[in-house]
Every structure is written in structure tokens, then in C-alpha cells.
Full PDB file with SEQRES, HELIX, SHEET, SSBOND, CRYST1, ORIGX, SCALE, CONECT and MASTER records, all heavy atoms in Angstrom:
SEQRES   1 A   41  GLU ILE ARG GLY THR ALA PRO VAL LEU GLU GLY VAL ASP          
SEQRES   2 A   41  LEU SER ALA HIS ASP GLY LEU SER LEU ALA LEU ASP ALA          
SEQRES   3 A   41  LEU LEU ALA SER ILE PRO PRO ARG GLY TYR LEU ALA VAL          
SEQRES   4 A   41  MET ALA                                                      
HELIX    1 AA1 ALA A    6  LEU A    9  1                                   4    
HELIX    2 AA2 GLY A   19  ALA A   29  1                                  11    
CRYST1    1.000    1.000    1.000  90.00  90.00  90.00 P 1           1          
ORIGX1      1.000000  0.000000  0.000000        0.00000                         
ORIGX2      0.000000  1.000000  0.000000        0.00000                         
ORIGX3      0.000000  0.000000  1.000000        0.00000                         
SCALE1      1.000000  0.000000  0.000000        0.00000                         
SCALE2      0.000000  1.000000  0.000000        0.00000                         
SCALE3      0.000000  0.000000  1.000000        0.00000                         
ATOM      1  N   GLU A   1       1.655  11.135   6.894  1.00  0.00           N  
ATOM      2  CA  GLU A   1       0.988  11.546   5.667  1.00  0.00           C  
ATOM      3  C   GLU A   1       1.153  10.442   4.639  1.00  0.00           C  
ATOM      4  O   GLU A   1       2.269   9.954   4.427  1.00  0.00           O  
ATOM      5  CB  GLU A   1       1.581  12.843   5.127  1.00  0.00           C  
ATOM      6  CG  GLU A   1       1.355  14.053   6.017  1.00  0.00           C  
ATOM      7  CD  GLU A   1       1.978  15.324   5.465  1.00  0.00           C  
ATOM      8  OE1 GLU A   1       2.740  15.224   4.469  1.00  0.00           O  
ATOM      9  OE2 GLU A   1       1.730  16.401   6.025  1.00  0.00           O  
ATOM     10  N   ILE A   2       0.067  10.044   3.991  1.00  0.00           N  
ATOM     11  CA  ILE A   2       0.078   8.917   3.061  1.00  0.00           C  
ATOM     12  C   ILE A   2      -0.077   9.425   1.633  1.00  0.00           C  
ATOM     13  O   ILE A   2      -1.011  10.159   1.313  1.00  0.00           O  
ATOM     14  CB  ILE A   2      -1.049   7.919   3.386  1.00  0.00           C  
ATOM     15  CG1 ILE A   2      -0.898   7.400   4.816  1.00  0.00           C  
ATOM     16  CG2 ILE A   2      -1.053   6.760   2.389  1.00  0.00           C  
ATOM     17  CD1 ILE A   2      -2.038   6.507   5.268  1.00  0.00           C  
ATOM     18  N   ARG A   3       0.863   9.030   0.788  1.00  0.00           N  
ATOM     19  CA  ARG A   3       0.796   9.297  -0.638  1.00  0.00           C  
ATOM     20  C   ARG A   3       1.176   8.016  -1.356  1.00  0.00           C  
ATOM     21  O   ARG A   3       1.814   7.142  -0.771  1.00  0.00           O  
ATOM     22  CB  ARG A   3       1.764  10.414  -1.052  1.00  0.00           C  
ATOM     23  CG  ARG A   3       1.509  11.766  -0.391  1.00  0.00           C  
ATOM     24  CD  ARG A   3       2.634  12.742  -0.707  1.00  0.00           C  
ATOM     25  NE  ARG A   3       2.381  14.079  -0.161  1.00  0.00           N  
ATOM     26  CZ  ARG A   3       2.660  14.459   1.073  1.00  0.00           C  
ATOM     27  NH1 ARG A   3       3.184  13.580   1.931  1.00  0.00           N  
ATOM     28  NH2 ARG A   3       2.409  15.694   1.490  1.00  0.00           N  
ATOM     29  N   GLY A   4       0.833   7.915  -2.618  1.00  0.00           N  
ATOM     30  CA  GLY A   4       1.223   6.709  -3.343  1.00  0.00           C  
ATOM     31  C   GLY A   4       0.734   6.742  -4.770  1.00  0.00           C  
ATOM     32  O   GLY A   4      -0.080   7.588  -5.150  1.00  0.00           O  
ATOM     33  N   THR A   5       1.251   5.819  -5.568  1.00  0.00           N  
ATOM     34  CA  THR A   5       0.792   5.697  -6.941  1.00  0.00           C  
ATOM     35  C   THR A   5      -0.608   5.092  -6.948  1.00  0.00           C  
ATOM     36  O   THR A   5      -0.987   4.331  -6.048  1.00  0.00           O  
ATOM     37  CB  THR A   5       1.752   4.822  -7.758  1.00  0.00           C  
ATOM     38  OG1 THR A   5       1.918   3.565  -7.100  1.00  0.00           O  
ATOM     39  CG2 THR A   5       3.118   5.486  -7.896  1.00  0.00           C  
ATOM     40  N   ALA A   6      -1.369   5.444  -7.972  1.00  0.00           N  
ATOM     41  CA  ALA A   6      -2.786   5.052  -8.036  1.00  0.00           C  
ATOM     42  C   ALA A   6      -3.008   3.553  -7.880  1.00  0.00           C  
ATOM     43  O   ALA A   6      -3.931   3.134  -7.154  1.00  0.00           O  
ATOM     44  CB  ALA A   6      -3.404   5.567  -9.337  1.00  0.00           C  
ATOM     45  N   PRO A   7      -2.226   2.683  -8.528  1.00  0.00           N  
ATOM     46  CA  PRO A   7      -2.516   1.253  -8.393  1.00  0.00           C  
ATOM     47  C   PRO A   7      -2.433   0.749  -6.953  1.00  0.00           C  
ATOM     48  O   PRO A   7      -3.120  -0.202  -6.586  1.00  0.00           O  
ATOM     49  CB  PRO A   7      -1.433   0.599  -9.264  1.00  0.00           C  
ATOM     50  CG  PRO A   7      -1.023   1.664 -10.239  1.00  0.00           C  
ATOM     51  CD  PRO A   7      -1.125   2.938  -9.475  1.00  0.00           C  
ATOM     52  N   VAL A   8      -1.607   1.399  -6.120  1.00  0.00           N  
ATOM     53  CA  VAL A   8      -1.461   0.937  -4.739  1.00  0.00           C  
ATOM     54  C   VAL A   8      -2.642   1.392  -3.891  1.00  0.00           C  
ATOM     55  O   VAL A   8      -3.238   0.601  -3.143  1.00  0.00           O  
ATOM     56  CB  VAL A   8      -0.141   1.456  -4.130  1.00  0.00           C  
ATOM     57  CG1 VAL A   8      -0.056   1.078  -2.650  1.00  0.00           C  
ATOM     58  CG2 VAL A   8       1.052   0.882  -4.882  1.00  0.00           C  
ATOM     59  N   LEU A   9      -3.008   2.657  -3.976  1.00  0.00           N  
ATOM     60  CA  LEU A   9      -4.021   3.216  -3.084  1.00  0.00           C  
ATOM     61  C   LEU A   9      -5.440   3.123  -3.612  1.00  0.00           C  
ATOM     62  O   LEU A   9      -6.391   3.420  -2.880  1.00  0.00           O  
ATOM     63  CB  LEU A   9      -3.677   4.679  -2.785  1.00  0.00           C  
ATOM     64  CG  LEU A   9      -2.396   4.901  -1.975  1.00  0.00           C  
ATOM     65  CD1 LEU A   9      -2.161   6.380  -1.742  1.00  0.00           C  
ATOM     66  CD2 LEU A   9      -2.445   4.149  -0.652  1.00  0.00           C  
ATOM     67  N   GLU A  10      -5.594   2.708  -4.856  1.00  0.00           N  
ATOM     68  CA  GLU A  10      -6.937   2.609  -5.435  1.00  0.00           C  
ATOM     69  C   GLU A  10      -7.807   1.642  -4.625  1.00  0.00           C  
ATOM     70  O   GLU A  10      -7.448   0.487  -4.406  1.00  0.00           O  
ATOM     71  CB  GLU A  10      -6.844   2.146  -6.890  1.00  0.00           C  
ATOM     72  CG  GLU A  10      -8.174   2.161  -7.626  1.00  0.00           C  
ATOM     73  CD  GLU A  10      -8.010   1.810  -9.097  1.00  0.00           C  
ATOM     74  OE1 GLU A  10      -6.865   1.556  -9.520  1.00  0.00           O  
ATOM     75  OE2 GLU A  10      -9.024   1.785  -9.797  1.00  0.00           O  
ATOM     76  N   GLY A  11      -8.947   2.124  -4.169  1.00  0.00           N  
ATOM     77  CA  GLY A  11      -9.872   1.274  -3.422  1.00  0.00           C  
ATOM     78  C   GLY A  11      -9.552   1.121  -1.958  1.00  0.00           C  
ATOM     79  O   GLY A  11     -10.276   0.423  -1.231  1.00  0.00           O  
ATOM     80  N   VAL A  12      -8.472   1.756  -1.480  1.00  0.00           N  
ATOM     81  CA  VAL A  12      -8.104   1.645  -0.066  1.00  0.00           C  
ATOM     82  C   VAL A  12      -8.860   2.711   0.726  1.00  0.00           C  
ATOM     83  O   VAL A  12      -8.811   3.904   0.394  1.00  0.00           O  
ATOM     84  CB  VAL A  12      -6.582   1.822   0.122  1.00  0.00           C  
ATOM     85  CG1 VAL A  12      -6.220   1.763   1.606  1.00  0.00           C  
ATOM     86  CG2 VAL A  12      -5.825   0.750  -0.649  1.00  0.00           C  
ATOM     87  N   ASP A  13      -9.535   2.301   1.783  1.00  0.00           N  
ATOM     88  CA  ASP A  13     -10.298   3.228   2.617  1.00  0.00           C  
ATOM     89  C   ASP A  13      -9.362   3.855   3.653  1.00  0.00           C  
ATOM     90  O   ASP A  13      -9.200   3.349   4.764  1.00  0.00           O  
ATOM     91  CB  ASP A  13     -11.446   2.495   3.308  1.00  0.00           C  
ATOM     92  CG  ASP A  13     -12.314   3.447   4.144  1.00  0.00           C  
ATOM     93  OD1 ASP A  13     -12.083   4.673   4.073  1.00  0.00           O  
ATOM     94  OD2 ASP A  13     -13.197   2.958   4.856  1.00  0.00           O  
ATOM     95  N   LEU A  14      -8.753   4.960   3.269  1.00  0.00           N  
ATOM     96  CA  LEU A  14      -7.794   5.613   4.152  1.00  0.00           C  
ATOM     97  C   LEU A  14      -8.476   6.359   5.296  1.00  0.00           C  
ATOM     98  O   LEU A  14      -7.801   6.822   6.229  1.00  0.00           O  
ATOM     99  CB  LEU A  14      -6.917   6.572   3.349  1.00  0.00           C  
ATOM    100  CG  LEU A  14      -6.004   5.911   2.298  1.00  0.00           C  
ATOM    101  CD1 LEU A  14      -5.253   6.972   1.515  1.00  0.00           C  
ATOM    102  CD2 LEU A  14      -5.023   4.950   2.962  1.00  0.00           C  
ATOM    103  N   SER A  15      -9.794   6.479   5.239  1.00  0.00           N  
ATOM    104  CA  SER A  15     -10.513   7.133   6.330  1.00  0.00           C  
ATOM    105  C   SER A  15     -10.796   6.176   7.483  1.00  0.00           C  
ATOM    106  O   SER A  15     -11.224   6.599   8.564  1.00  0.00           O  
ATOM    107  CB  SER A  15     -11.836   7.719   5.820  1.00  0.00           C  
ATOM    108  OG  SER A  15     -12.712   6.680   5.393  1.00  0.00           O  
ATOM    109  N   ALA A  16     -10.565   4.896   7.251  1.00  0.00           N  
ATOM    110  CA  ALA A  16     -10.802   3.906   8.296  1.00  0.00           C  
ATOM    111  C   ALA A  16      -9.795   4.077   9.430  1.00  0.00           C  
ATOM    112  O   ALA A  16      -8.709   4.619   9.248  1.00  0.00           O  
ATOM    113  CB  ALA A  16     -10.704   2.492   7.716  1.00  0.00           C  
ATOM    114  N   HIS A  17     -10.147   3.583  10.621  1.00  0.00           N  
ATOM    115  CA  HIS A  17      -9.255   3.731  11.766  1.00  0.00           C  
ATOM    116  C   HIS A  17      -7.936   3.001  11.551  1.00  0.00           C  
ATOM    117  O   HIS A  17      -6.910   3.364  12.123  1.00  0.00           O  
ATOM    118  CB  HIS A  17      -9.936   3.220  13.048  1.00  0.00           C  
ATOM    119  CG  HIS A  17     -10.038   1.728  13.122  1.00  0.00           C  
ATOM    120  ND1 HIS A  17     -11.009   1.007  12.455  1.00  0.00           N  
ATOM    121  CD2 HIS A  17      -9.265   0.807  13.768  1.00  0.00           C  
ATOM    122  CE1 HIS A  17     -10.847  -0.282  12.693  1.00  0.00           C  
ATOM    123  NE2 HIS A  17      -9.802  -0.437  13.486  1.00  0.00           N  
ATOM    124  N   ASP A  18      -7.967   1.954  10.712  1.00  0.00           N  
ATOM    125  CA  ASP A  18      -6.754   1.197  10.392  1.00  0.00           C  
ATOM    126  C   ASP A  18      -6.290   1.501   8.970  1.00  0.00           C  
ATOM    127  O   ASP A  18      -5.755   0.639   8.281  1.00  0.00           O  
ATOM    128  CB  ASP A  18      -6.974  -0.294  10.583  1.00  0.00           C  
ATOM    129  CG  ASP A  18      -8.129  -0.841   9.736  1.00  0.00           C  
ATOM    130  OD1 ASP A  18      -8.901  -0.020   9.180  1.00  0.00           O  
ATOM    131  OD2 ASP A  18      -8.250  -2.075   9.635  1.00  0.00           O  
ATOM    132  N   GLY A  19      -6.479   2.744   8.542  1.00  0.00           N  
ATOM    133  CA  GLY A  19      -6.142   3.119   7.170  1.00  0.00           C  
ATOM    134  C   GLY A  19      -4.682   2.899   6.827  1.00  0.00           C  
ATOM    135  O   GLY A  19      -4.352   2.488   5.708  1.00  0.00           O  
ATOM    136  N   LEU A  20      -3.783   3.154   7.782  1.00  0.00           N  
ATOM    137  CA  LEU A  20      -2.357   2.936   7.519  1.00  0.00           C  
ATOM    138  C   LEU A  20      -2.073   1.458   7.285  1.00  0.00           C  
ATOM    139  O   LEU A  20      -1.339   1.098   6.350  1.00  0.00           O  
ATOM    140  CB  LEU A  20      -1.521   3.473   8.679  1.00  0.00           C  
ATOM    141  CG  LEU A  20      -0.002   3.310   8.571  1.00  0.00           C  
ATOM    142  CD1 LEU A  20       0.534   3.942   7.291  1.00  0.00           C  
ATOM    143  CD2 LEU A  20       0.691   3.909   9.799  1.00  0.00           C  
ATOM    144  N   SER A  21      -2.652   0.596   8.092  1.00  0.00           N  
ATOM    145  CA  SER A  21      -2.483  -0.849   7.897  1.00  0.00           C  
ATOM    146  C   SER A  21      -3.027  -1.290   6.543  1.00  0.00           C  
ATOM    147  O   SER A  21      -2.427  -2.123   5.849  1.00  0.00           O  
ATOM    148  CB  SER A  21      -3.184  -1.621   9.016  1.00  0.00           C  
ATOM    149  OG  SER A  21      -2.565  -1.400  10.258  1.00  0.00           O  
ATOM    150  N   LEU A  22      -4.168  -0.716   6.155  1.00  0.00           N  
ATOM    151  CA  LEU A  22      -4.760  -1.070   4.863  1.00  0.00           C  
ATOM    152  C   LEU A  22      -3.866  -0.640   3.713  1.00  0.00           C  
ATOM    153  O   LEU A  22      -3.736  -1.362   2.711  1.00  0.00           O  
ATOM    154  CB  LEU A  22      -6.139  -0.428   4.739  1.00  0.00           C  
ATOM    155  CG  LEU A  22      -7.219  -0.923   5.712  1.00  0.00           C  
ATOM    156  CD1 LEU A  22      -8.493  -0.100   5.577  1.00  0.00           C  
ATOM    157  CD2 LEU A  22      -7.500  -2.409   5.482  1.00  0.00           C  
ATOM    158  N   ALA A  23      -3.243   0.537   3.841  1.00  0.00           N  
ATOM    159  CA  ALA A  23      -2.330   1.000   2.789  1.00  0.00           C  
ATOM    160  C   ALA A  23      -1.120   0.080   2.678  1.00  0.00           C  
ATOM    161  O   ALA A  23      -0.668  -0.256   1.574  1.00  0.00           O  
ATOM    162  CB  ALA A  23      -1.891   2.431   3.077  1.00  0.00           C  
ATOM    163  N   LEU A  24      -0.593  -0.352   3.811  1.00  0.00           N  
ATOM    164  CA  LEU A  24       0.550  -1.269   3.799  1.00  0.00           C  
ATOM    165  C   LEU A  24       0.154  -2.628   3.224  1.00  0.00           C  
ATOM    166  O   LEU A  24       0.920  -3.242   2.463  1.00  0.00           O  
ATOM    167  CB  LEU A  24       1.101  -1.427   5.214  1.00  0.00           C  
ATOM    168  CG  LEU A  24       1.771  -0.175   5.797  1.00  0.00           C  
ATOM    169  CD1 LEU A  24       1.951  -0.310   7.299  1.00  0.00           C  
ATOM    170  CD2 LEU A  24       3.118   0.073   5.121  1.00  0.00           C  
ATOM    171  N   ASP A  25      -1.044  -3.099   3.573  1.00  0.00           N  
ATOM    172  CA  ASP A  25      -1.518  -4.358   3.006  1.00  0.00           C  
ATOM    173  C   ASP A  25      -1.651  -4.255   1.486  1.00  0.00           C  
ATOM    174  O   ASP A  25      -1.316  -5.198   0.757  1.00  0.00           O  
ATOM    175  CB  ASP A  25      -2.874  -4.729   3.604  1.00  0.00           C  
ATOM    176  CG  ASP A  25      -2.778  -5.194   5.049  1.00  0.00           C  
ATOM    177  OD1 ASP A  25      -1.668  -5.562   5.475  1.00  0.00           O  
ATOM    178  OD2 ASP A  25      -3.813  -5.173   5.751  1.00  0.00           O  
ATOM    179  N   ALA A  26      -2.133  -3.105   1.000  1.00  0.00           N  
ATOM    180  CA  ALA A  26      -2.277  -2.911  -0.443  1.00  0.00           C  
ATOM    181  C   ALA A  26      -0.917  -2.906  -1.134  1.00  0.00           C  
ATOM    182  O   ALA A  26      -0.771  -3.441  -2.243  1.00  0.00           O  
ATOM    183  CB  ALA A  26      -3.014  -1.603  -0.722  1.00  0.00           C  
ATOM    184  N   LEU A  27       0.082  -2.316  -0.480  1.00  0.00           N  
ATOM    185  CA  LEU A  27       1.428  -2.328  -1.057  1.00  0.00           C  
ATOM    186  C   LEU A  27       1.969  -3.756  -1.138  1.00  0.00           C  
ATOM    187  O   LEU A  27       2.521  -4.170  -2.165  1.00  0.00           O  
ATOM    188  CB  LEU A  27       2.361  -1.459  -0.222  1.00  0.00           C  
ATOM    189  CG  LEU A  27       3.815  -1.395  -0.706  1.00  0.00           C  
ATOM    190  CD1 LEU A  27       3.909  -0.732  -2.076  1.00  0.00           C  
ATOM    191  CD2 LEU A  27       4.690  -0.649   0.308  1.00  0.00           C  
ATOM    192  N   LEU A  28       1.794  -4.529  -0.075  1.00  0.00           N  
ATOM    193  CA  LEU A  28       2.261  -5.918  -0.088  1.00  0.00           C  
ATOM    194  C   LEU A  28       1.539  -6.720  -1.170  1.00  0.00           C  
ATOM    195  O   LEU A  28       2.153  -7.564  -1.844  1.00  0.00           O  
ATOM    196  CB  LEU A  28       2.032  -6.559   1.280  1.00  0.00           C  
ATOM    197  CG  LEU A  28       2.927  -6.046   2.415  1.00  0.00           C  
ATOM    198  CD1 LEU A  28       2.417  -6.550   3.760  1.00  0.00           C  
ATOM    199  CD2 LEU A  28       4.373  -6.480   2.200  1.00  0.00           C  
ATOM    200  N   ALA A  29       0.269  -6.443  -1.368  1.00  0.00           N  
ATOM    201  CA  ALA A  29      -0.499  -7.169  -2.386  1.00  0.00           C  
ATOM    202  C   ALA A  29      -0.057  -6.797  -3.799  1.00  0.00           C  
ATOM    203  O   ALA A  29      -0.326  -7.548  -4.743  1.00  0.00           O  
ATOM    204  CB  ALA A  29      -1.994  -6.877  -2.215  1.00  0.00           C  
ATOM    205  N   SER A  30       0.610  -5.657  -3.939  1.00  0.00           N  
ATOM    206  CA  SER A  30       1.025  -5.205  -5.270  1.00  0.00           C  
ATOM    207  C   SER A  30       2.333  -5.833  -5.738  1.00  0.00           C  
ATOM    208  O   SER A  30       2.725  -5.648  -6.894  1.00  0.00           O  
ATOM    209  CB  SER A  30       1.180  -3.680  -5.272  1.00  0.00           C  
ATOM    210  OG  SER A  30       2.353  -3.275  -4.576  1.00  0.00           O  
ATOM    211  N   ILE A  31       3.017  -6.570  -4.864  1.00  0.00           N  
ATOM    212  CA  ILE A  31       4.287  -7.188  -5.252  1.00  0.00           C  
ATOM    213  C   ILE A  31       3.997  -8.301  -6.254  1.00  0.00           C  
ATOM    214  O   ILE A  31       3.222  -9.212  -5.972  1.00  0.00           O  
ATOM    215  CB  ILE A  31       5.026  -7.771  -4.029  1.00  0.00           C  
ATOM    216  CG1 ILE A  31       5.219  -6.714  -2.952  1.00  0.00           C  
ATOM    217  CG2 ILE A  31       6.382  -8.342  -4.457  1.00  0.00           C  
ATOM    218  CD1 ILE A  31       5.784  -7.256  -1.647  1.00  0.00           C  
ATOM    219  N   PRO A  32       4.613  -8.263  -7.429  1.00  0.00           N  
ATOM    220  CA  PRO A  32       4.322  -9.294  -8.439  1.00  0.00           C  
ATOM    221  C   PRO A  32       4.990 -10.615  -8.106  1.00  0.00           C  
ATOM    222  O   PRO A  32       5.843 -10.692  -7.205  1.00  0.00           O  
ATOM    223  CB  PRO A  32       4.898  -8.688  -9.723  1.00  0.00           C  
ATOM    224  CG  PRO A  32       5.951  -7.743  -9.265  1.00  0.00           C  
ATOM    225  CD  PRO A  32       5.517  -7.219  -7.939  1.00  0.00           C  
ATOM    226  N   PRO A  33       4.627 -11.681  -8.804  1.00  0.00           N  
ATOM    227  CA  PRO A  33       5.293 -12.978  -8.596  1.00  0.00           C  
ATOM    228  C   PRO A  33       6.803 -12.847  -8.748  1.00  0.00           C  
ATOM    229  O   PRO A  33       7.282 -12.137  -9.638  1.00  0.00           O  
ATOM    230  CB  PRO A  33       4.681 -13.856  -9.691  1.00  0.00           C  
ATOM    231  CG  PRO A  33       3.358 -13.229  -9.985  1.00  0.00           C  
ATOM    232  CD  PRO A  33       3.557 -11.752  -9.811  1.00  0.00           C  
ATOM    233  N   ARG A  34       7.554 -13.504  -7.876  1.00  0.00           N  
ATOM    234  CA  ARG A  34       9.019 -13.465  -7.855  1.00  0.00           C  
ATOM    235  C   ARG A  34       9.537 -12.044  -7.667  1.00  0.00           C  
ATOM    236  O   ARG A  34      10.673 -11.727  -8.004  1.00  0.00           O  
ATOM    237  CB  ARG A  34       9.625 -14.086  -9.116  1.00  0.00           C  
ATOM    238  CG  ARG A  34       9.305 -15.576  -9.289  1.00  0.00           C  
ATOM    239  CD  ARG A  34      10.098 -16.183 -10.444  1.00  0.00           C  
ATOM    240  NE  ARG A  34      11.536 -15.977 -10.265  1.00  0.00           N  
ATOM    241  CZ  ARG A  34      12.305 -16.703  -9.463  1.00  0.00           C  
ATOM    242  NH1 ARG A  34      11.779 -17.697  -8.757  1.00  0.00           N  
ATOM    243  NH2 ARG A  34      13.596 -16.458  -9.364  1.00  0.00           N  
ATOM    244  N   GLY A  35       8.700 -11.183  -7.088  1.00  0.00           N  
ATOM    245  CA  GLY A  35       9.083  -9.797  -6.880  1.00  0.00           C  
ATOM    246  C   GLY A  35       9.687  -9.561  -5.513  1.00  0.00           C  
ATOM    247  O   GLY A  35      10.005 -10.481  -4.758  1.00  0.00           O  
ATOM    248  N   TYR A  36       9.822  -8.283  -5.181  1.00  0.00           N  
ATOM    249  CA  TYR A  36      10.414  -7.896  -3.906  1.00  0.00           C  
ATOM    250  C   TYR A  36       9.837  -6.559  -3.474  1.00  0.00           C  
ATOM    251  O   TYR A  36       9.235  -5.824  -4.278  1.00  0.00           O  
ATOM    252  CB  TYR A  36      11.941  -7.791  -4.019  1.00  0.00           C  
ATOM    253  CG  TYR A  36      12.420  -6.686  -4.940  1.00  0.00           C  
ATOM    254  CD1 TYR A  36      12.757  -5.425  -4.449  1.00  0.00           C  
ATOM    255  CD2 TYR A  36      12.541  -6.899  -6.321  1.00  0.00           C  
ATOM    256  CE1 TYR A  36      13.184  -4.407  -5.289  1.00  0.00           C  
ATOM    257  CE2 TYR A  36      12.979  -5.889  -7.170  1.00  0.00           C  
ATOM    258  CZ  TYR A  36      13.299  -4.644  -6.647  1.00  0.00           C  
ATOM    259  OH  TYR A  36      13.721  -3.641  -7.486  1.00  0.00           O  
ATOM    260  N   LEU A  37      10.018  -6.237  -2.202  1.00  0.00           N  
ATOM    261  CA  LEU A  37       9.623  -4.949  -1.652  1.00  0.00           C  
ATOM    262  C   LEU A  37      10.871  -4.266  -1.121  1.00  0.00           C  
ATOM    263  O   LEU A  37      11.624  -4.857  -0.335  1.00  0.00           O  
ATOM    264  CB  LEU A  37       8.612  -5.131  -0.517  1.00  0.00           C  
ATOM    265  CG  LEU A  37       8.245  -3.867   0.275  1.00  0.00           C  
ATOM    266  CD1 LEU A  37       7.606  -2.821  -0.615  1.00  0.00           C  
ATOM    267  CD2 LEU A  37       7.332  -4.217   1.446  1.00  0.00           C  
ATOM    268  N   ALA A  38      11.103  -3.035  -1.557  1.00  0.00           N  
ATOM    269  CA  ALA A  38      12.250  -2.255  -1.088  1.00  0.00           C  
ATOM    270  C   ALA A  38      11.763  -1.129  -0.195  1.00  0.00           C  
ATOM    271  O   ALA A  38      10.921  -0.323  -0.599  1.00  0.00           O  
ATOM    272  CB  ALA A  38      13.027  -1.692  -2.274  1.00  0.00           C  
ATOM    273  N   VAL A  39      12.281  -1.081   1.027  1.00  0.00           N  
ATOM    274  CA  VAL A  39      12.003   0.016   1.950  1.00  0.00           C  
ATOM    275  C   VAL A  39      13.141   1.016   1.841  1.00  0.00           C  
ATOM    276  O   VAL A  39      14.317   0.650   1.986  1.00  0.00           O  
ATOM    277  CB  VAL A  39      11.875  -0.481   3.404  1.00  0.00           C  
ATOM    278  CG1 VAL A  39      11.512   0.675   4.327  1.00  0.00           C  
ATOM    279  CG2 VAL A  39      10.860  -1.606   3.501  1.00  0.00           C  
ATOM    280  N   MET A  40      12.816   2.285   1.575  1.00  0.00           N  
ATOM    281  CA  MET A  40      13.825   3.313   1.338  1.00  0.00           C  
ATOM    282  C   MET A  40      13.571   4.455   2.318  1.00  0.00           C  
ATOM    283  O   MET A  40      12.586   5.181   2.192  1.00  0.00           O  
ATOM    284  CB  MET A  40      13.720   3.818  -0.103  1.00  0.00           C  
ATOM    285  CG  MET A  40      13.690   2.689  -1.138  1.00  0.00           C  
ATOM    286  SD  MET A  40      13.256   3.256  -2.802  1.00  0.00           S  
ATOM    287  CE  MET A  40      11.578   3.851  -2.555  1.00  0.00           C  
ATOM    288  N   ALA A  41      14.449   4.610   3.302  1.00  0.00           N  
ATOM    289  CA  ALA A  41      14.219   5.554   4.396  1.00  0.00           C  
ATOM    290  C   ALA A  41      15.148   6.756   4.280  1.00  0.00           C  
ATOM    291  O   ALA A  41      16.349   6.649   4.541  1.00  0.00           O  
ATOM    292  CB  ALA A  41      14.424   4.853   5.735  1.00  0.00           C  
TER     293      ALA A  41                                                      
MASTER        0    0    0    2    0    0    0    6  292    1    0    4          
END                                                                             
């Protein structure tokens, strides 16, 4: 199940067959300069 803040998922076609990959790509693109990505499981 995919949820997220609007800036991440805005414009992402989650109905596509690779929708999960697109959501992850959008998250990676949202990392600002000198930023980081934290995975919290």
C-alpha cells in the first residue's frame, strides 16, 4: 500500500505497472542538495 506526502507523490502515475518504482524514483528526486534519505522499518 502506497501513501506519502503530496510533494512526493504529486504527478506520479501509481496506476502504471511500475508504479512502485515510480514512487521510489520520486522520493529519491525529492532529496535536496547535501541531503539524505532515511529508511525507517
